[in-house]
């Protein structure tokens, strides 16, 4: 599933990439080049993080589903067992 950014997110990501390359690697690139790099990261590398997030979410929900009967269970026909009926 492709990762889509809002126009504002894309703008901020491009600015962040440009700043990172300038400050950390002393490479000054333009907005167009930073946009190309962002596209590469989104299509080639970001799916790794996306897939890990999906896997983590699935594991989390699988664990919760396994415990569902323990947390969401009510005994049936308990009226008489709890002593609520008339005693003779």
PDB file of N, CA and C in Angstrom:
ATOM      1  N   UNK A   1       0.850  -1.171   0.000  1.00  0.00           N
ATOM      2  CA  UNK A   1       0.000   0.000   0.000  1.00  0.00           C
ATOM      3  C   UNK A   1       0.896   1.234   0.000  1.00  0.00           C
ATOM      4  N   UNK A   2       0.744   2.089  -0.990  1.00  0.00           N
ATOM      5  CA  UNK A   2       1.601   3.276  -1.051  1.00  0.00           C
ATOM      6  C   UNK A   2       1.345   4.227   0.114  1.00  0.00           C
ATOM      7  N   UNK A   3       2.383   4.906   0.513  1.00  0.00           N
ATOM      8  CA  UNK A   3       2.281   5.877   1.593  1.00  0.00           C
ATOM      9  C   UNK A   3       2.050   7.250   0.967  1.00  0.00           C
ATOM     10  N   UNK A   4       0.969   7.887   1.365  1.00  0.00           N
ATOM     11  CA  UNK A   4       0.610   9.194   0.820  1.00  0.00           C
ATOM     12  C   UNK A   4       0.815  10.260   1.890  1.00  0.00           C
ATOM     13  N   UNK A   5       1.386  11.356   1.487  1.00  0.00           N
ATOM     14  CA  UNK A   5       1.574  12.493   2.378  1.00  0.00           C
ATOM     15  C   UNK A   5       0.655  13.626   1.946  1.00  0.00           C
ATOM     16  N   UNK A   6       0.196  14.383   2.922  1.00  0.00           N
ATOM     17  CA  UNK A   6      -0.541  15.597   2.587  1.00  0.00           C
ATOM     18  C   UNK A   6       0.462  16.589   1.979  1.00  0.00           C
ATOM     19  N   UNK A   7      -0.022  17.585   1.256  1.00  0.00           N
ATOM     20  CA  UNK A   7       0.913  18.583   0.706  1.00  0.00           C
ATOM     21  C   UNK A   7       1.787  19.228   1.788  1.00  0.00           C
ATOM     22  N   UNK A   8       1.195  19.490   2.956  1.00  0.00           N
ATOM     23  CA  UNK A   8       1.969  20.098   4.036  1.00  0.00           C
ATOM     24  C   UNK A   8       3.026  19.124   4.570  1.00  0.00           C
ATOM     25  N   UNK A   9       2.660  17.858   4.738  1.00  0.00           N
ATOM     26  CA  UNK A   9       3.628  16.860   5.194  1.00  0.00           C
ATOM     27  C   UNK A   9       4.770  16.721   4.189  1.00  0.00           C
ATOM     28  N   UNK A  10       4.427  16.708   2.908  1.00  0.00           N
ATOM     29  CA  UNK A  10       5.445  16.588   1.856  1.00  0.00           C
ATOM     30  C   UNK A  10       6.405  17.783   1.899  1.00  0.00           C
ATOM     31  N   UNK A  11       5.845  18.968   2.046  1.00  0.00           N
ATOM     32  CA  UNK A  11       6.670  20.177   2.109  1.00  0.00           C
ATOM     33  C   UNK A  11       7.621  20.119   3.301  1.00  0.00           C
ATOM     34  N   UNK A  12       7.099  19.739   4.464  1.00  0.00           N
ATOM     35  CA  UNK A  12       7.928  19.653   5.666  1.00  0.00           C
ATOM     36  C   UNK A  12       8.997  18.575   5.527  1.00  0.00           C
ATOM     37  N   UNK A  13       8.645  17.442   4.918  1.00  0.00           N
ATOM     38  CA  UNK A  13       9.613  16.357   4.730  1.00  0.00           C
ATOM     39  C   UNK A  13      10.739  16.802   3.803  1.00  0.00           C
ATOM     40  N   UNK A  14      10.395  17.493   2.729  1.00  0.00           N
ATOM     41  CA  UNK A  14      11.406  17.985   1.787  1.00  0.00           C
ATOM     42  C   UNK A  14      12.334  18.980   2.480  1.00  0.00           C
ATOM     43  N   UNK A  15      11.768  19.869   3.280  1.00  0.00           N
ATOM     44  CA  UNK A  15      12.591  20.831   4.020  1.00  0.00           C
ATOM     45  C   UNK A  15      13.505  20.113   5.012  1.00  0.00           C
ATOM     46  N   UNK A  16      12.975  19.093   5.674  1.00  0.00           N
ATOM     47  CA  UNK A  16      13.762  18.338   6.643  1.00  0.00           C
ATOM     48  C   UNK A  16      14.915  17.598   5.974  1.00  0.00           C
ATOM     49  N   UNK A  17      14.647  16.989   4.832  1.00  0.00           N
ATOM     50  CA  UNK A  17      15.704  16.291   4.087  1.00  0.00           C
ATOM     51  C   UNK A  17      16.793  17.279   3.674  1.00  0.00           C
ATOM     52  N   UNK A  18      16.385  18.413   3.133  1.00  0.00           N
ATOM     53  CA  UNK A  18      17.353  19.430   2.731  1.00  0.00           C
ATOM     54  C   UNK A  18      18.204  19.902   3.891  1.00  0.00           C
ATOM     55  N   UNK A  19      17.577  20.164   5.018  1.00  0.00           N
ATOM     56  CA  UNK A  19      18.309  20.628   6.197  1.00  0.00           C
ATOM     57  C   UNK A  19      19.255  19.552   6.714  1.00  0.00           C
ATOM     58  N   UNK A  20      18.770  18.296   6.752  1.00  0.00           N
ATOM     59  CA  UNK A  20      19.614  17.199   7.229  1.00  0.00           C
ATOM     60  C   UNK A  20      20.874  17.075   6.376  1.00  0.00           C
ATOM     61  N   UNK A  21      20.699  17.056   5.062  1.00  0.00           N
ATOM     62  CA  UNK A  21      21.848  16.895   4.174  1.00  0.00           C
ATOM     63  C   UNK A  21      22.818  18.071   4.292  1.00  0.00           C
ATOM     64  N   UNK A  22      22.263  19.265   4.461  1.00  0.00           N
ATOM     65  CA  UNK A  22      23.116  20.444   4.581  1.00  0.00           C
ATOM     66  C   UNK A  22      23.888  20.450   5.895  1.00  0.00           C
ATOM     67  N   UNK A  23      23.202  20.169   7.006  1.00  0.00           N
ATOM     68  CA  UNK A  23      23.847  20.266   8.314  1.00  0.00           C
ATOM     69  C   UNK A  23      24.699  19.048   8.659  1.00  0.00           C
ATOM     70  N   UNK A  24      24.258  17.874   8.268  1.00  0.00           N
ATOM     71  CA  UNK A  24      24.975  16.659   8.660  1.00  0.00           C
ATOM     72  C   UNK A  24      26.021  16.220   7.639  1.00  0.00           C
ATOM     73  N   UNK A  25      25.767  16.455   6.369  1.00  0.00           N
ATOM     74  CA  UNK A  25      26.676  15.977   5.324  1.00  0.00           C
ATOM     75  C   UNK A  25      27.303  17.105   4.509  1.00  0.00           C
ATOM     76  N   UNK A  26      26.952  18.345   4.886  1.00  0.00           N
ATOM     77  CA  UNK A  26      27.448  19.524   4.175  1.00  0.00           C
ATOM     78  C   UNK A  26      27.174  19.435   2.673  1.00  0.00           C
ATOM     79  N   UNK A  27      25.989  18.947   2.338  1.00  0.00           N
ATOM     80  CA  UNK A  27      25.539  18.843   0.948  1.00  0.00           C
ATOM     81  C   UNK A  27      24.335  19.752   0.771  1.00  0.00           C
ATOM     82  N   UNK A  28      24.460  20.699  -0.105  1.00  0.00           N
ATOM     83  CA  UNK A  28      23.360  21.623  -0.359  1.00  0.00           C
ATOM     84  C   UNK A  28      22.611  21.139  -1.601  1.00  0.00           C
ATOM     85  N   UNK A  29      21.376  20.696  -1.406  1.00  0.00           N
ATOM     86  CA  UNK A  29      20.573  20.236  -2.542  1.00  0.00           C
ATOM     87  C   UNK A  29      19.333  21.111  -2.654  1.00  0.00           C
ATOM     88  N   UNK A  30      18.779  21.139  -3.818  1.00  0.00           N
ATOM     89  CA  UNK A  30      17.585  21.939  -4.045  1.00  0.00           C
ATOM     90  C   UNK A  30      16.326  21.196  -3.638  1.00  0.00           C
ATOM     91  N   UNK A  31      15.230  21.930  -3.710  1.00  0.00           N
ATOM     92  CA  UNK A  31      13.931  21.363  -3.341  1.00  0.00           C
ATOM     93  C   UNK A  31      13.544  20.205  -4.263  1.00  0.00           C
ATOM     94  N   UNK A  32      13.845  20.324  -5.549  1.00  0.00           N
ATOM     95  CA  UNK A  32      13.495  19.262  -6.489  1.00  0.00           C
ATOM     96  C   UNK A  32      14.269  17.978  -6.170  1.00  0.00           C
ATOM     97  N   UNK A  33      15.548  18.110  -5.878  1.00  0.00           N
ATOM     98  CA  UNK A  33      16.348  16.934  -5.547  1.00  0.00           C
ATOM     99  C   UNK A  33      15.890  16.307  -4.234  1.00  0.00           C
ATOM    100  N   UNK A  34      15.554  17.136  -3.254  1.00  0.00           N
ATOM    101  CA  UNK A  34      15.042  16.615  -1.984  1.00  0.00           C
ATOM    102  C   UNK A  34      13.713  15.899  -2.210  1.00  0.00           C
ATOM    103  N   UNK A  35      12.898  16.413  -3.127  1.00  0.00           N
ATOM    104  CA  UNK A  35      11.634  15.755  -3.470  1.00  0.00           C
ATOM    105  C   UNK A  35      11.861  14.401  -4.116  1.00  0.00           C
ATOM    106  N   UNK A  36      12.856  14.311  -5.001  1.00  0.00           N
ATOM    107  CA  UNK A  36      13.193  13.020  -5.616  1.00  0.00           C
ATOM    108  C   UNK A  36      13.662  12.024  -4.556  1.00  0.00           C
ATOM    109  N   UNK A  37      14.482  12.504  -3.624  1.00  0.00           N
ATOM    110  CA  UNK A  37      14.958  11.631  -2.551  1.00  0.00           C
ATOM    111  C   UNK A  37      13.791  11.175  -1.676  1.00  0.00           C
ATOM    112  N   UNK A  38      12.877  12.084  -1.378  1.00  0.00           N
ATOM    113  CA  UNK A  38      11.694  11.723  -0.595  1.00  0.00           C
ATOM    114  C   UNK A  38      10.879  10.652  -1.316  1.00  0.00           C
ATOM    115  N   UNK A  39      10.662  10.823  -2.615  1.00  0.00           N
ATOM    116  CA  UNK A  39       9.918   9.810  -3.380  1.00  0.00           C
ATOM    117  C   UNK A  39      10.598   8.453  -3.300  1.00  0.00           C
ATOM    118  N   UNK A  40      11.920   8.439  -3.414  1.00  0.00           N
ATOM    119  CA  UNK A  40      12.673   7.188  -3.320  1.00  0.00           C
ATOM    120  C   UNK A  40      12.472   6.545  -1.950  1.00  0.00           C
ATOM    121  N   UNK A  41      12.619   7.341  -0.904  1.00  0.00           N
ATOM    122  CA  UNK A  41      12.460   6.815   0.456  1.00  0.00           C
ATOM    123  C   UNK A  41      11.054   6.263   0.657  1.00  0.00           C
ATOM    124  N   UNK A  42      10.042   6.999   0.184  1.00  0.00           N
ATOM    125  CA  UNK A  42       8.656   6.558   0.368  1.00  0.00           C
ATOM    126  C   UNK A  42       8.347   5.266  -0.383  1.00  0.00           C
ATOM    127  N   UNK A  43       8.945   5.068  -1.543  1.00  0.00           N
ATOM    128  CA  UNK A  43       8.632   3.864  -2.326  1.00  0.00           C
ATOM    129  C   UNK A  43       9.550   2.695  -2.010  1.00  0.00           C
ATOM    130  N   UNK A  44      10.777   2.966  -1.607  1.00  0.00           N
ATOM    131  CA  UNK A  44      11.755   1.897  -1.449  1.00  0.00           C
ATOM    132  C   UNK A  44      11.986   1.491   0.001  1.00  0.00           C
ATOM    133  N   UNK A  45      11.992   2.447   0.910  1.00  0.00           N
ATOM    134  CA  UNK A  45      12.387   2.169   2.288  1.00  0.00           C
ATOM    135  C   UNK A  45      11.218   2.225   3.267  1.00  0.00           C
ATOM    136  N   UNK A  46      10.324   3.182   3.098  1.00  0.00           N
ATOM    137  CA  UNK A  46       9.199   3.344   4.030  1.00  0.00           C
ATOM    138  C   UNK A  46       8.334   2.095   4.168  1.00  0.00           C
ATOM    139  N   UNK A  47       8.156   1.277   3.108  1.00  0.00           N
ATOM    140  CA  UNK A  47       7.353   0.068   3.285  1.00  0.00           C
ATOM    141  C   UNK A  47       7.887  -0.882   4.361  1.00  0.00           C
ATOM    142  N   UNK A  48       9.182  -0.830   4.636  1.00  0.00           N
ATOM    143  CA  UNK A  48       9.737  -1.657   5.711  1.00  0.00           C
ATOM    144  C   UNK A  48       9.093  -1.263   7.039  1.00  0.00           C
ATOM    145  N   UNK A  49       9.072   0.031   7.338  1.00  0.00           N
ATOM    146  CA  UNK A  49       8.474   0.520   8.583  1.00  0.00           C
ATOM    147  C   UNK A  49       6.970   0.290   8.590  1.00  0.00           C
ATOM    148  N   UNK A  50       6.332   0.499   7.439  1.00  0.00           N
ATOM    149  CA  UNK A  50       4.886   0.289   7.334  1.00  0.00           C
ATOM    150  C   UNK A  50       4.541  -1.170   7.637  1.00  0.00           C
ATOM    151  N   UNK A  51       5.255  -2.089   7.000  1.00  0.00           N
ATOM    152  CA  UNK A  51       4.987  -3.515   7.211  1.00  0.00           C
ATOM    153  C   UNK A  51       5.249  -3.924   8.655  1.00  0.00           C
ATOM    154  N   UNK A  52       6.278  -3.358   9.271  1.00  0.00           N
ATOM    155  CA  UNK A  52       6.556  -3.658  10.674  1.00  0.00           C
ATOM    156  C   UNK A  52       5.418  -3.151  11.555  1.00  0.00           C
ATOM    157  N   UNK A  53       4.901  -1.969  11.250  1.00  0.00           N
ATOM    158  CA  UNK A  53       3.771  -1.431  12.011  1.00  0.00           C
ATOM    159  C   UNK A  53       2.534  -2.297  11.883  1.00  0.00           C
ATOM    160  N   UNK A  54       2.256  -2.774  10.676  1.00  0.00           N
ATOM    161  CA  UNK A  54       1.113  -3.667  10.465  1.00  0.00           C
ATOM    162  C   UNK A  54       1.315  -4.963  11.239  1.00  0.00           C
ATOM    163  N   UNK A  55       2.529  -5.500  11.191  1.00  0.00           N
ATOM    164  CA  UNK A  55       2.833  -6.738  11.910  1.00  0.00           C
ATOM    165  C   UNK A  55       2.679  -6.549  13.419  1.00  0.00           C
ATOM    166  N   UNK A  56       3.177  -5.429  13.939  1.00  0.00           N
ATOM    167  CA  UNK A  56       3.045  -5.144  15.371  1.00  0.00           C
ATOM    168  C   UNK A  56       1.580  -5.003  15.770  1.00  0.00           C
ATOM    169  N   UNK A  57       0.798  -4.308  14.953  1.00  0.00           N
ATOM    170  CA  UNK A  57      -0.630  -4.135  15.250  1.00  0.00           C
ATOM    171  C   UNK A  57      -1.350  -5.471  15.222  1.00  0.00           C
ATOM    172  N   UNK A  58      -1.017  -6.302  14.253  1.00  0.00           N
ATOM    173  CA  UNK A  58      -1.660  -7.618  14.165  1.00  0.00           C
ATOM    174  C   UNK A  58      -1.330  -8.465  15.395  1.00  0.00           C
ATOM    175  N   UNK A  59      -0.061  -8.457  15.802  1.00  0.00           N
ATOM    176  CA  UNK A  59       0.340  -9.215  16.987  1.00  0.00           C
ATOM    177  C   UNK A  59      -0.403  -8.704  18.219  1.00  0.00           C
ATOM    178  N   UNK A  60      -0.508  -7.388  18.354  1.00  0.00           N
ATOM    179  CA  UNK A  60      -1.207  -6.782  19.482  1.00  0.00           C
ATOM    180  C   UNK A  60      -2.662  -7.238  19.525  1.00  0.00           C
ATOM    181  N   UNK A  61      -3.355  -7.150  18.379  1.00  0.00           N
ATOM    182  CA  UNK A  61      -4.765  -7.524  18.347  1.00  0.00           C
ATOM    183  C   UNK A  61      -4.960  -9.029  18.495  1.00  0.00           C
ATOM    184  N   UNK A  62      -4.036  -9.823  17.968  1.00  0.00           N
ATOM    185  CA  UNK A  62      -4.119 -11.272  18.165  1.00  0.00           C
ATOM    186  C   UNK A  62      -4.048 -11.619  19.648  1.00  0.00           C
ATOM    187  N   UNK A  63      -3.145 -10.957  20.376  1.00  0.00           N
ATOM    188  CA  UNK A  63      -3.030 -11.194  21.818  1.00  0.00           C
ATOM    189  C   UNK A  63      -4.308 -10.784  22.540  1.00  0.00           C
ATOM    190  N   UNK A  64      -4.886  -9.662  22.152  1.00  0.00           N
ATOM    191  CA  UNK A  64      -6.123  -9.201  22.789  1.00  0.00           C
ATOM    192  C   UNK A  64      -7.280 -10.144  22.473  1.00  0.00           C
ATOM    193  N   UNK A  65      -7.335 -10.657  21.240  1.00  0.00           N
ATOM    194  CA  UNK A  65      -8.407 -11.585  20.867  1.00  0.00           C
ATOM    195  C   UNK A  65      -8.292 -12.900  21.614  1.00  0.00           C
ATOM    196  N   UNK A  66      -7.066 -13.355  21.860  1.00  0.00           N
ATOM    197  CA  UNK A  66      -6.886 -14.599  22.604  1.00  0.00           C
ATOM    198  C   UNK A  66      -7.405 -14.464  24.026  1.00  0.00           C
ATOM    199  N   UNK A  67      -7.328 -13.279  24.583  1.00  0.00           N
ATOM    200  CA  UNK A  67      -7.769 -13.050  25.953  1.00  0.00           C
ATOM    201  C   UNK A  67      -9.212 -12.557  26.030  1.00  0.00           C
ATOM    202  N   UNK A  68      -9.897 -12.470  24.900  1.00  0.00           N
ATOM    203  CA  UNK A  68     -11.243 -11.910  24.857  1.00  0.00           C
ATOM    204  C   UNK A  68     -12.222 -12.665  25.749  1.00  0.00           C
ATOM    205  N   UNK A  69     -12.191 -13.987  25.705  1.00  0.00           N
ATOM    206  CA  UNK A  69     -13.141 -14.747  26.524  1.00  0.00           C
ATOM    207  C   UNK A  69     -12.853 -14.579  28.008  1.00  0.00           C
ATOM    208  N   UNK A  70     -11.621 -14.303  28.377  1.00  0.00           N
ATOM    209  CA  UNK A  70     -11.284 -14.082  29.779  1.00  0.00           C
ATOM    210  C   UNK A  70     -11.734 -12.726  30.289  1.00  0.00           C
ATOM    211  N   UNK A  71     -11.801 -11.756  29.423  1.00  0.00           N
ATOM    212  CA  UNK A  71     -12.201 -10.419  29.846  1.00  0.00           C
ATOM    213  C   UNK A  71     -13.661 -10.120  29.582  1.00  0.00           C
ATOM    214  N   UNK A  72     -14.229 -10.746  28.601  1.00  0.00           N
ATOM    215  CA  UNK A  72     -15.616 -10.461  28.214  1.00  0.00           C
ATOM    216  C   UNK A  72     -16.442 -11.736  28.316  1.00  0.00           C
ATOM    217  N   UNK A  73     -16.604 -12.226  29.511  1.00  0.00           N
ATOM    218  CA  UNK A  73     -17.355 -13.461  29.693  1.00  0.00           C
ATOM    219  C   UNK A  73     -18.291 -13.290  30.869  1.00  0.00           C
ATOM    220  N   UNK A  74     -19.520 -13.697  30.689  1.00  0.00           N
ATOM    221  CA  UNK A  74     -20.506 -13.693  31.764  1.00  0.00           C
ATOM    222  C   UNK A  74     -21.063 -15.096  31.898  1.00  0.00           C
ATOM    223  N   UNK A  75     -21.147 -15.556  33.129  1.00  0.00           N
ATOM    224  CA  UNK A  75     -21.733 -16.874  33.366  1.00  0.00           C
ATOM    225  C   UNK A  75     -23.223 -16.827  33.054  1.00  0.00           C
ATOM    226  N   UNK A  76     -23.709 -17.891  32.490  1.00  0.00           N
ATOM    227  CA  UNK A  76     -25.123 -17.982  32.120  1.00  0.00           C
ATOM    228  C   UNK A  76     -25.915 -18.662  33.238  1.00  0.00           C
ATOM    229  N   UNK A  77     -27.182 -18.355  33.308  1.00  0.00           N
ATOM    230  CA  UNK A  77     -28.105 -18.966  34.263  1.00  0.00           C
ATOM    231  C   UNK A  77     -27.552 -18.918  35.685  1.00  0.00           C
ATOM    232  N   UNK A  78     -27.169 -17.753  36.132  1.00  0.00           N
ATOM    233  CA  UNK A  78     -26.571 -17.581  37.451  1.00  0.00           C
ATOM    234  C   UNK A  78     -27.567 -17.188  38.530  1.00  0.00           C
ATOM    235  N   UNK A  79     -28.779 -16.940  38.165  1.00  0.00           N
ATOM    236  CA  UNK A  79     -29.767 -16.461  39.133  1.00  0.00           C
ATOM    237  C   UNK A  79     -29.843 -17.388  40.347  1.00  0.00           C
ATOM    238  N   UNK A  80     -29.989 -18.672  40.106  1.00  0.00           N
ATOM    239  CA  UNK A  80     -30.155 -19.619  41.207  1.00  0.00           C
ATOM    240  C   UNK A  80     -28.832 -19.879  41.920  1.00  0.00           C
ATOM    241  N   UNK A  81     -27.751 -19.857  41.182  1.00  0.00           N
ATOM    242  CA  UNK A  81     -26.448 -20.114  41.797  1.00  0.00           C
ATOM    243  C   UNK A  81     -26.021 -19.001  42.738  1.00  0.00           C
ATOM    244  N   UNK A  82     -26.488 -17.806  42.509  1.00  0.00           N
ATOM    245  CA  UNK A  82     -26.129 -16.677  43.361  1.00  0.00           C
ATOM    246  C   UNK A  82     -27.094 -16.524  44.533  1.00  0.00           C
ATOM    247  N   UNK A  83     -28.047 -17.418  44.647  1.00  0.00           N
ATOM    248  CA  UNK A  83     -28.972 -17.399  45.768  1.00  0.00           C
ATOM    249  C   UNK A  83     -30.001 -16.298  45.715  1.00  0.00           C
ATOM    250  N   UNK A  84     -30.403 -15.868  44.541  1.00  0.00           N
ATOM    251  CA  UNK A  84     -31.376 -14.790  44.421  1.00  0.00           C
ATOM    252  C   UNK A  84     -32.812 -15.300  44.441  1.00  0.00           C
ATOM    253  N   UNK A  85     -33.001 -16.571  44.228  1.00  0.00           N
ATOM    254  CA  UNK A  85     -34.353 -17.123  44.199  1.00  0.00           C
ATOM    255  C   UNK A  85     -34.936 -17.227  45.605  1.00  0.00           C
ATOM    256  N   UNK A  86     -36.264 -17.428  45.703  1.00  0.00           N
ATOM    257  CA  UNK A  86     -36.920 -17.595  47.000  1.00  0.00           C
ATOM    258  C   UNK A  86     -36.446 -18.889  47.638  1.00  0.00           C
ATOM    259  N   UNK A  87     -36.174 -18.822  48.894  1.00  0.00           N
ATOM    260  CA  UNK A  87     -35.750 -20.017  49.633  1.00  0.00           C
ATOM    261  C   UNK A  87     -36.976 -20.609  50.310  1.00  0.00           C
ATOM    262  N   UNK A  88     -37.123 -21.915  50.241  1.00  0.00           N
ATOM    263  CA  UNK A  88     -38.274 -22.574  50.875  1.00  0.00           C
ATOM    264  C   UNK A  88     -37.839 -23.389  52.045  1.00  0.00           C
TER     265      UNK A  88
END
